[in-house]
Amino acid sequence: MLIVIPNIGAGISLLLGALAIGWPSKIEGFVSIKGIGKEGASEVRATYGGFFTGIALYAMITQSPVVFITLGFGWLSAAIIRLGTLFLGFSTPKNVGSAVFEAVIGLLCVTPLFA
């Protein structure tokens, strides 16, 4: 059971990465950014798509606890930074929800720490 849980987190990461590669405008709306011109769409595909897809696939193929934990710490770091921005005046329902979303995926991925 413990190996299933981080695979769920990696699967969500993979899904988001694939969505960014195939439909960058959807991710732009999801994360409230706007890629400008061809370079902007390429950036969304590369950064959100390539990174998330690459590390998620690697975690799922290798089933390495270290890779799952690395992916999880990335998500948890994003959640921590986002929570910090809430105290800097960026508190919106979407930002709070995003912090929770990131923290949940991160916690799913770091479950090998508790094995």
N, C-alpha and C. Protein backbone atom coordinates (compact mmCIF):
# COMPACT_ATOMS: atom_id res chain seq x y z
N MET A 1 0.82 -1.21 0.00
CA MET A 1 0.00 0.00 0.00
C MET A 1 0.86 1.26 0.00
N LEU A 2 1.98 1.20 0.73
CA LEU A 2 2.82 2.40 0.80
C LEU A 2 3.40 2.80 -0.54
N ILE A 3 3.58 1.88 -1.48
CA ILE A 3 4.12 2.24 -2.79
C ILE A 3 3.03 2.82 -3.68
N VAL A 4 1.77 2.50 -3.41
CA VAL A 4 0.67 3.03 -4.21
C VAL A 4 0.51 4.53 -3.96
N ILE A 5 0.64 4.95 -2.73
CA ILE A 5 0.39 6.34 -2.38
C ILE A 5 1.32 7.31 -3.11
N PRO A 6 2.65 7.11 -3.10
CA PRO A 6 3.48 8.05 -3.85
C PRO A 6 3.25 7.99 -5.36
N ASN A 7 2.81 6.84 -5.85
CA ASN A 7 2.48 6.76 -7.27
C ASN A 7 1.27 7.61 -7.62
N ILE A 8 0.36 7.78 -6.68
CA ILE A 8 -0.78 8.67 -6.92
C ILE A 8 -0.28 10.11 -7.07
N GLY A 9 0.62 10.52 -6.17
CA GLY A 9 1.19 11.87 -6.27
C GLY A 9 1.96 12.07 -7.56
N ALA A 10 2.75 11.07 -7.93
CA ALA A 10 3.50 11.15 -9.19
C ALA A 10 2.56 11.14 -10.38
N GLY A 11 1.48 10.37 -10.28
CA GLY A 11 0.49 10.32 -11.37
C GLY A 11 -0.18 11.66 -11.58
N ILE A 12 -0.50 12.34 -10.49
CA ILE A 12 -1.08 13.69 -10.61
C ILE A 12 -0.08 14.64 -11.25
N SER A 13 1.18 14.52 -10.84
CA SER A 13 2.23 15.35 -11.42
C SER A 13 2.37 15.08 -12.91
N LEU A 14 2.32 13.80 -13.27
CA LEU A 14 2.41 13.41 -14.67
C LEU A 14 1.23 13.97 -15.47
N LEU A 15 0.05 13.88 -14.92
CA LEU A 15 -1.13 14.40 -15.59
C LEU A 15 -1.02 15.91 -15.82
N LEU A 16 -0.57 16.64 -14.81
CA LEU A 16 -0.39 18.09 -14.97
C LEU A 16 0.68 18.40 -16.01
N GLY A 17 1.76 17.62 -16.00
CA GLY A 17 2.82 17.82 -16.99
C GLY A 17 2.33 17.56 -18.40
N ALA A 18 1.60 16.47 -18.58
CA ALA A 18 1.07 16.14 -19.91
C ALA A 18 0.08 17.20 -20.38
N LEU A 19 -0.71 17.70 -19.45
CA LEU A 19 -1.66 18.77 -19.79
C LEU A 19 -0.91 20.02 -20.24
N ALA A 20 0.18 20.36 -19.56
CA ALA A 20 0.97 21.53 -19.94
C ALA A 20 1.61 21.37 -21.31
N ILE A 21 2.03 20.17 -21.64
CA ILE A 21 2.64 19.93 -22.95
C ILE A 21 1.58 20.02 -24.04
N GLY A 22 0.45 19.39 -23.80
CA GLY A 22 -0.57 19.32 -24.84
C GLY A 22 -1.52 20.50 -24.91
N TRP A 23 -1.70 21.19 -23.80
CA TRP A 23 -2.67 22.28 -23.75
C TRP A 23 -2.14 23.40 -22.85
N PRO A 24 -1.08 24.08 -23.26
CA PRO A 24 -0.45 25.08 -22.39
C PRO A 24 -1.39 26.20 -21.97
N SER A 25 -2.35 26.56 -22.82
CA SER A 25 -3.26 27.65 -22.45
C SER A 25 -4.11 27.27 -21.24
N LYS A 26 -4.42 26.00 -21.08
CA LYS A 26 -5.20 25.53 -19.92
C LYS A 26 -4.37 25.69 -18.65
N ILE A 27 -3.11 25.34 -18.71
CA ILE A 27 -2.23 25.49 -17.55
C ILE A 27 -2.02 26.97 -17.23
N GLU A 28 -1.89 27.79 -18.27
CA GLU A 28 -1.75 29.23 -18.03
C GLU A 28 -2.92 29.75 -17.20
N GLY A 29 -4.12 29.35 -17.55
CA GLY A 29 -5.29 29.77 -16.79
C GLY A 29 -5.31 29.18 -15.39
N PHE A 30 -4.88 27.93 -15.28
CA PHE A 30 -4.87 27.23 -14.00
C PHE A 30 -3.92 27.90 -13.01
N VAL A 31 -2.75 28.33 -13.49
CA VAL A 31 -1.77 28.94 -12.59
C VAL A 31 -1.73 30.46 -12.69
N SER A 32 -2.67 31.04 -13.44
CA SER A 32 -2.81 32.50 -13.54
C SER A 32 -1.56 33.18 -14.12
N ILE A 33 -1.04 32.61 -15.19
CA ILE A 33 0.05 33.25 -15.91
C ILE A 33 -0.36 33.37 -17.36
N LYS A 34 0.39 34.15 -18.12
CA LYS A 34 0.12 34.28 -19.55
C LYS A 34 1.44 34.21 -20.30
N GLY A 35 1.57 33.15 -21.08
CA GLY A 35 2.74 33.03 -21.94
C GLY A 35 2.57 33.96 -23.13
N ILE A 36 3.55 34.75 -23.41
CA ILE A 36 3.46 35.72 -24.51
C ILE A 36 4.19 35.16 -25.72
N GLY A 37 3.47 35.04 -26.82
CA GLY A 37 4.05 34.59 -28.07
C GLY A 37 4.46 33.13 -28.04
N LYS A 38 5.21 32.75 -29.06
CA LYS A 38 5.65 31.36 -29.18
C LYS A 38 6.57 30.97 -28.03
N GLU A 39 7.40 31.91 -27.59
CA GLU A 39 8.32 31.62 -26.49
C GLU A 39 7.56 31.34 -25.20
N GLY A 40 6.46 32.06 -24.98
CA GLY A 40 5.67 31.85 -23.77
C GLY A 40 5.05 30.47 -23.73
N ALA A 41 4.45 30.06 -24.84
CA ALA A 41 3.85 28.72 -24.90
C ALA A 41 4.94 27.66 -24.76
N SER A 42 6.10 27.90 -25.36
CA SER A 42 7.21 26.97 -25.24
C SER A 42 7.68 26.88 -23.80
N GLU A 43 7.71 27.99 -23.11
CA GLU A 43 8.13 28.02 -21.70
C GLU A 43 7.18 27.21 -20.83
N VAL A 44 5.89 27.37 -21.04
CA VAL A 44 4.91 26.60 -20.26
C VAL A 44 5.09 25.11 -20.54
N ARG A 45 5.23 24.77 -21.80
CA ARG A 45 5.41 23.36 -22.16
C ARG A 45 6.69 22.80 -21.55
N ALA A 46 7.77 23.56 -21.61
CA ALA A 46 9.06 23.07 -21.12
C ALA A 46 9.12 23.04 -19.60
N THR A 47 8.75 24.14 -18.96
CA THR A 47 8.90 24.24 -17.51
C THR A 47 7.86 23.42 -16.77
N TYR A 48 6.60 23.67 -17.06
CA TYR A 48 5.55 22.91 -16.38
C TYR A 48 5.42 21.50 -16.97
N GLY A 49 5.44 21.41 -18.27
CA GLY A 49 5.26 20.12 -18.92
C GLY A 49 6.46 19.22 -18.83
N GLY A 50 7.59 19.72 -19.29
CA GLY A 50 8.79 18.89 -19.33
C GLY A 50 9.28 18.49 -17.96
N PHE A 51 9.32 19.44 -17.05
CA PHE A 51 9.82 19.13 -15.72
C PHE A 51 8.91 18.14 -15.00
N PHE A 52 7.63 18.45 -14.92
CA PHE A 52 6.71 17.57 -14.20
C PHE A 52 6.62 16.19 -14.85
N THR A 53 6.55 16.15 -16.16
CA THR A 53 6.47 14.88 -16.86
C THR A 53 7.74 14.06 -16.63
N GLY A 54 8.89 14.70 -16.77
CA GLY A 54 10.15 13.99 -16.63
C GLY A 54 10.36 13.40 -15.25
N ILE A 55 10.18 14.18 -14.21
CA ILE A 55 10.45 13.66 -12.87
C ILE A 55 9.38 12.66 -12.44
N ALA A 56 8.12 12.90 -12.85
CA ALA A 56 7.05 11.96 -12.50
C ALA A 56 7.26 10.61 -13.18
N LEU A 57 7.59 10.65 -14.47
CA LEU A 57 7.86 9.40 -15.18
C LEU A 57 9.03 8.66 -14.57
N TYR A 58 10.08 9.39 -14.24
CA TYR A 58 11.26 8.76 -13.65
C TYR A 58 10.90 8.09 -12.32
N ALA A 59 10.11 8.78 -11.50
CA ALA A 59 9.69 8.19 -10.23
C ALA A 59 8.87 6.94 -10.46
N MET A 60 7.95 6.99 -11.40
CA MET A 60 7.07 5.86 -11.64
C MET A 60 7.79 4.68 -12.29
N ILE A 61 8.75 4.96 -13.13
CA ILE A 61 9.51 3.88 -13.78
C ILE A 61 10.47 3.21 -12.80
N THR A 62 11.21 4.01 -12.06
CA THR A 62 12.22 3.46 -11.16
C THR A 62 11.64 2.95 -9.84
N GLN A 63 10.49 3.51 -9.45
CA GLN A 63 9.89 3.19 -8.15
C GLN A 63 10.87 3.47 -7.01
N SER A 64 11.73 4.44 -7.22
CA SER A 64 12.74 4.79 -6.24
C SER A 64 12.15 5.70 -5.16
N PRO A 65 12.22 5.28 -3.89
CA PRO A 65 11.73 6.14 -2.82
C PRO A 65 12.41 7.51 -2.82
N VAL A 66 13.69 7.55 -3.15
CA VAL A 66 14.41 8.83 -3.17
C VAL A 66 13.83 9.77 -4.22
N VAL A 67 13.46 9.25 -5.37
CA VAL A 67 12.89 10.09 -6.43
C VAL A 67 11.50 10.57 -6.03
N PHE A 68 10.69 9.68 -5.45
CA PHE A 68 9.37 10.10 -4.97
C PHE A 68 9.51 11.20 -3.92
N ILE A 69 10.44 11.01 -3.01
CA ILE A 69 10.65 11.99 -1.94
C ILE A 69 11.14 13.31 -2.52
N THR A 70 12.01 13.27 -3.51
CA THR A 70 12.48 14.49 -4.17
C THR A 70 11.31 15.22 -4.81
N LEU A 71 10.47 14.50 -5.53
CA LEU A 71 9.28 15.09 -6.13
C LEU A 71 8.39 15.69 -5.04
N GLY A 72 8.21 14.95 -3.96
CA GLY A 72 7.39 15.44 -2.86
C GLY A 72 7.92 16.69 -2.22
N PHE A 73 9.24 16.75 -2.02
CA PHE A 73 9.83 17.95 -1.43
C PHE A 73 9.68 19.16 -2.35
N GLY A 74 9.70 18.92 -3.65
CA GLY A 74 9.43 20.02 -4.58
C GLY A 74 8.03 20.58 -4.39
N TRP A 75 7.05 19.67 -4.32
CA TRP A 75 5.66 20.11 -4.10
C TRP A 75 5.51 20.78 -2.73
N LEU A 76 6.11 20.21 -1.70
CA LEU A 76 6.00 20.80 -0.37
C LEU A 76 6.68 22.16 -0.30
N SER A 77 7.80 22.31 -0.99
CA SER A 77 8.47 23.62 -1.04
C SER A 77 7.57 24.66 -1.71
N ALA A 78 6.91 24.25 -2.79
CA ALA A 78 5.98 25.16 -3.45
C ALA A 78 4.86 25.56 -2.50
N ALA A 79 4.33 24.60 -1.73
CA ALA A 79 3.26 24.90 -0.78
C ALA A 79 3.73 25.86 0.30
N ILE A 80 4.94 25.65 0.80
CA ILE A 80 5.48 26.52 1.85
C ILE A 80 5.67 27.94 1.33
N ILE A 81 6.25 28.06 0.15
CA ILE A 81 6.45 29.39 -0.43
C ILE A 81 5.10 30.07 -0.67
N ARG A 82 4.13 29.32 -1.19
CA ARG A 82 2.81 29.90 -1.43
C ARG A 82 2.17 30.34 -0.13
N LEU A 83 2.29 29.52 0.92
CA LEU A 83 1.75 29.92 2.23
C LEU A 83 2.40 31.21 2.71
N GLY A 84 3.70 31.33 2.47
CA GLY A 84 4.39 32.57 2.83
C GLY A 84 3.82 33.78 2.11
N THR A 85 3.45 33.60 0.85
CA THR A 85 2.89 34.74 0.10
C THR A 85 1.53 35.15 0.64
N LEU A 86 0.83 34.23 1.27
CA LEU A 86 -0.48 34.58 1.84
C LEU A 86 -0.33 35.66 2.91
N PHE A 87 0.79 35.62 3.62
CA PHE A 87 1.05 36.61 4.67
C PHE A 87 1.64 37.90 4.11
N LEU A 88 1.95 37.91 2.82
CA LEU A 88 2.48 39.11 2.17
C LEU A 88 1.39 39.84 1.39
N GLY A 89 0.14 39.47 1.62
CA GLY A 89 -0.96 40.17 0.97
C GLY A 89 -1.52 39.48 -0.26
N PHE A 90 -1.11 38.25 -0.52
CA PHE A 90 -1.59 37.53 -1.70
C PHE A 90 -2.63 36.47 -1.33
N SER A 91 -3.34 36.71 -0.24
CA SER A 91 -4.31 35.74 0.23
C SER A 91 -5.59 35.82 -0.60
N THR A 92 -5.81 34.79 -1.38
CA THR A 92 -7.04 34.65 -2.16
C THR A 92 -7.50 33.20 -1.98
N PRO A 93 -8.77 32.95 -2.20
CA PRO A 93 -9.23 31.56 -2.10
C PRO A 93 -8.46 30.62 -3.03
N LYS A 94 -8.13 31.09 -4.22
CA LYS A 94 -7.39 30.25 -5.16
C LYS A 94 -5.99 29.94 -4.64
N ASN A 95 -5.32 30.94 -4.04
CA ASN A 95 -3.98 30.71 -3.50
C ASN A 95 -4.02 29.75 -2.31
N VAL A 96 -5.01 29.89 -1.46
CA VAL A 96 -5.14 28.97 -0.33
C VAL A 96 -5.39 27.56 -0.84
N GLY A 97 -6.29 27.42 -1.80
CA GLY A 97 -6.57 26.11 -2.38
C GLY A 97 -5.35 25.52 -3.05
N SER A 98 -4.57 26.36 -3.74
CA SER A 98 -3.36 25.88 -4.40
C SER A 98 -2.34 25.39 -3.39
N ALA A 99 -2.21 26.09 -2.27
CA ALA A 99 -1.27 25.66 -1.23
C ALA A 99 -1.68 24.30 -0.67
N VAL A 100 -2.96 24.10 -0.46
CA VAL A 100 -3.45 22.82 0.03
C VAL A 100 -3.20 21.72 -1.01
N PHE A 101 -3.51 22.02 -2.28
CA PHE A 101 -3.30 21.08 -3.39
C PHE A 101 -1.84 20.66 -3.46
N GLU A 102 -0.93 21.62 -3.41
CA GLU A 102 0.50 21.33 -3.48
C GLU A 102 0.96 20.51 -2.27
N ALA A 103 0.46 20.86 -1.10
CA ALA A 103 0.84 20.13 0.11
C ALA A 103 0.35 18.69 0.07
N VAL A 104 -0.86 18.48 -0.42
CA VAL A 104 -1.40 17.12 -0.49
C VAL A 104 -0.56 16.26 -1.45
N ILE A 105 -0.26 16.81 -2.63
CA ILE A 105 0.55 16.04 -3.58
C ILE A 105 1.93 15.76 -2.98
N GLY A 106 2.50 16.77 -2.34
CA GLY A 106 3.80 16.58 -1.70
C GLY A 106 3.77 15.50 -0.64
N LEU A 107 2.74 15.51 0.20
CA LEU A 107 2.63 14.49 1.24
C LEU A 107 2.42 13.10 0.66
N LEU A 108 1.65 13.01 -0.42
CA LEU A 108 1.50 11.72 -1.08
C LEU A 108 2.85 11.18 -1.53
N CYS A 109 3.67 12.06 -2.10
CA CYS A 109 4.95 11.63 -2.65
C CYS A 109 5.98 11.28 -1.59
N VAL A 110 5.91 11.90 -0.42
CA VAL A 110 6.94 11.64 0.60
C VAL A 110 6.57 10.50 1.55
N THR A 111 5.49 9.78 1.26
CA THR A 111 5.12 8.67 2.14
C THR A 111 6.21 7.61 2.32
N PRO A 112 7.14 7.42 1.36
CA PRO A 112 8.21 6.46 1.64
C PRO A 112 9.04 6.81 2.87
N LEU A 113 9.01 8.08 3.29
CA LEU A 113 9.73 8.45 4.51
C LEU A 113 9.16 7.76 5.75
N PHE A 114 7.89 7.37 5.67
CA PHE A 114 7.21 6.79 6.81
C PHE A 114 7.12 5.28 6.76
N ALA A 115 7.83 4.69 5.80
CA ALA A 115 7.78 3.22 5.66
C ALA A 115 8.70 2.53 6.64
